[in-house]
């Protein structure tokens, strides 16, 4: 894929997070922990780096649209 295994894993976790953010009412901290992030802070940091916005904003846009 042209990326490191760690980057690939993070991308897969972020994609799974997108699915959960769109289709569940789970708290952000619960989503972070269920996907193997250290805490909600590291989840938000990685999510923002890959998606260009916070998980909270992503969820709000998904629910509005």
C-alpha atoms as a PDB file:
ATOM      1  CA  UNK A   1       0.000   0.000   0.000  1.00  0.00           C
ATOM      2  CA  UNK A   2       2.998   2.284   0.107  1.00  0.00           C
ATOM      3  CA  UNK A   3       2.591   3.136   3.803  1.00  0.00           C
ATOM      4  CA  UNK A   4       3.981   1.738   7.029  1.00  0.00           C
ATOM      5  CA  UNK A   5       2.061  -0.995   8.861  1.00  0.00           C
ATOM      6  CA  UNK A   6       1.433   1.417  11.744  1.00  0.00           C
ATOM      7  CA  UNK A   7      -0.039   4.047   9.424  1.00  0.00           C
ATOM      8  CA  UNK A   8      -2.176   1.400   7.745  1.00  0.00           C
ATOM      9  CA  UNK A   9      -3.494   0.251  11.124  1.00  0.00           C
ATOM     10  CA  UNK A  10      -4.348   3.799  12.173  1.00  0.00           C
ATOM     11  CA  UNK A  11      -6.137   4.420   8.864  1.00  0.00           C
ATOM     12  CA  UNK A  12      -8.192   1.254   9.381  1.00  0.00           C
ATOM     13  CA  UNK A  13      -9.069   2.320  12.928  1.00  0.00           C
ATOM     14  CA  UNK A  14     -10.099   5.785  11.753  1.00  0.00           C
ATOM     15  CA  UNK A  15     -12.298   4.278   9.035  1.00  0.00           C
ATOM     16  CA  UNK A  16     -13.943   2.014  11.619  1.00  0.00           C
ATOM     17  CA  UNK A  17     -14.433   5.085  13.825  1.00  0.00           C
ATOM     18  CA  UNK A  18     -16.193   6.875  10.961  1.00  0.00           C
ATOM     19  CA  UNK A  19     -18.632   3.988  10.711  1.00  0.00           C
ATOM     20  CA  UNK A  20     -19.309   4.033  14.455  1.00  0.00           C
ATOM     21  CA  UNK A  21     -19.662   7.811  14.538  1.00  0.00           C
ATOM     22  CA  UNK A  22     -22.266   7.673  11.769  1.00  0.00           C
ATOM     23  CA  UNK A  23     -24.186   4.656  13.014  1.00  0.00           C
ATOM     24  CA  UNK A  24     -24.066   4.616  16.806  1.00  0.00           C
ATOM     25  CA  UNK A  25     -24.649   6.861  19.775  1.00  0.00           C
ATOM     26  CA  UNK A  26     -21.554   5.593  21.587  1.00  0.00           C
ATOM     27  CA  UNK A  27     -19.484   8.145  23.477  1.00  0.00           C
ATOM     28  CA  UNK A  28     -16.238   9.235  21.802  1.00  0.00           C
ATOM     29  CA  UNK A  29     -14.180   7.758  24.640  1.00  0.00           C
ATOM     30  CA  UNK A  30     -15.929   4.400  24.231  1.00  0.00           C
ATOM     31  CA  UNK A  31     -15.300   4.413  20.476  1.00  0.00           C
ATOM     32  CA  UNK A  32     -11.653   5.309  21.061  1.00  0.00           C
ATOM     33  CA  UNK A  33     -11.127   2.481  23.537  1.00  0.00           C
ATOM     34  CA  UNK A  34     -13.019  -0.079  21.460  1.00  0.00           C
ATOM     35  CA  UNK A  35     -10.742   0.640  18.486  1.00  0.00           C
ATOM     36  CA  UNK A  36      -7.514   0.383  20.457  1.00  0.00           C
ATOM     37  CA  UNK A  37      -6.604   4.042  20.901  1.00  0.00           C
ATOM     38  CA  UNK A  38      -4.814   4.891  24.141  1.00  0.00           C
ATOM     39  CA  UNK A  39      -7.425   7.485  25.120  1.00  0.00           C
ATOM     40  CA  UNK A  40      -9.900   9.942  23.626  1.00  0.00           C
ATOM     41  CA  UNK A  41      -7.192  12.567  23.222  1.00  0.00           C
ATOM     42  CA  UNK A  42      -4.969  10.372  21.059  1.00  0.00           C
ATOM     43  CA  UNK A  43      -8.044   9.223  19.120  1.00  0.00           C
ATOM     44  CA  UNK A  44      -9.015  12.839  18.390  1.00  0.00           C
ATOM     45  CA  UNK A  45      -5.458  13.699  17.345  1.00  0.00           C
ATOM     46  CA  UNK A  46      -5.180  10.771  14.924  1.00  0.00           C
ATOM     47  CA  UNK A  47      -8.715  11.273  13.608  1.00  0.00           C
ATOM     48  CA  UNK A  48      -8.037  14.953  12.890  1.00  0.00           C
ATOM     49  CA  UNK A  49      -4.757  14.130  11.110  1.00  0.00           C
ATOM     50  CA  UNK A  50      -6.470  11.626   8.815  1.00  0.00           C
ATOM     51  CA  UNK A  51      -9.898  13.208   8.358  1.00  0.00           C
ATOM     52  CA  UNK A  52      -9.156  16.931   8.695  1.00  0.00           C
ATOM     53  CA  UNK A  53     -11.713  17.440  11.457  1.00  0.00           C
ATOM     54  CA  UNK A  54     -12.504  16.236  14.947  1.00  0.00           C
ATOM     55  CA  UNK A  55     -14.644  13.157  15.554  1.00  0.00           C
ATOM     56  CA  UNK A  56     -17.298  15.335  17.184  1.00  0.00           C
ATOM     57  CA  UNK A  57     -17.538  17.582  14.120  1.00  0.00           C
ATOM     58  CA  UNK A  58     -17.547  14.564  11.802  1.00  0.00           C
ATOM     59  CA  UNK A  59     -20.462  13.059  13.727  1.00  0.00           C
ATOM     60  CA  UNK A  60     -22.393  16.347  13.700  1.00  0.00           C
ATOM     61  CA  UNK A  61     -21.956  16.718   9.939  1.00  0.00           C
ATOM     62  CA  UNK A  62     -22.915  13.093   9.318  1.00  0.00           C
ATOM     63  CA  UNK A  63     -26.096  13.493  11.361  1.00  0.00           C
ATOM     64  CA  UNK A  64     -26.987  16.797   9.701  1.00  0.00           C
ATOM     65  CA  UNK A  65     -26.409  15.593   6.180  1.00  0.00           C
END
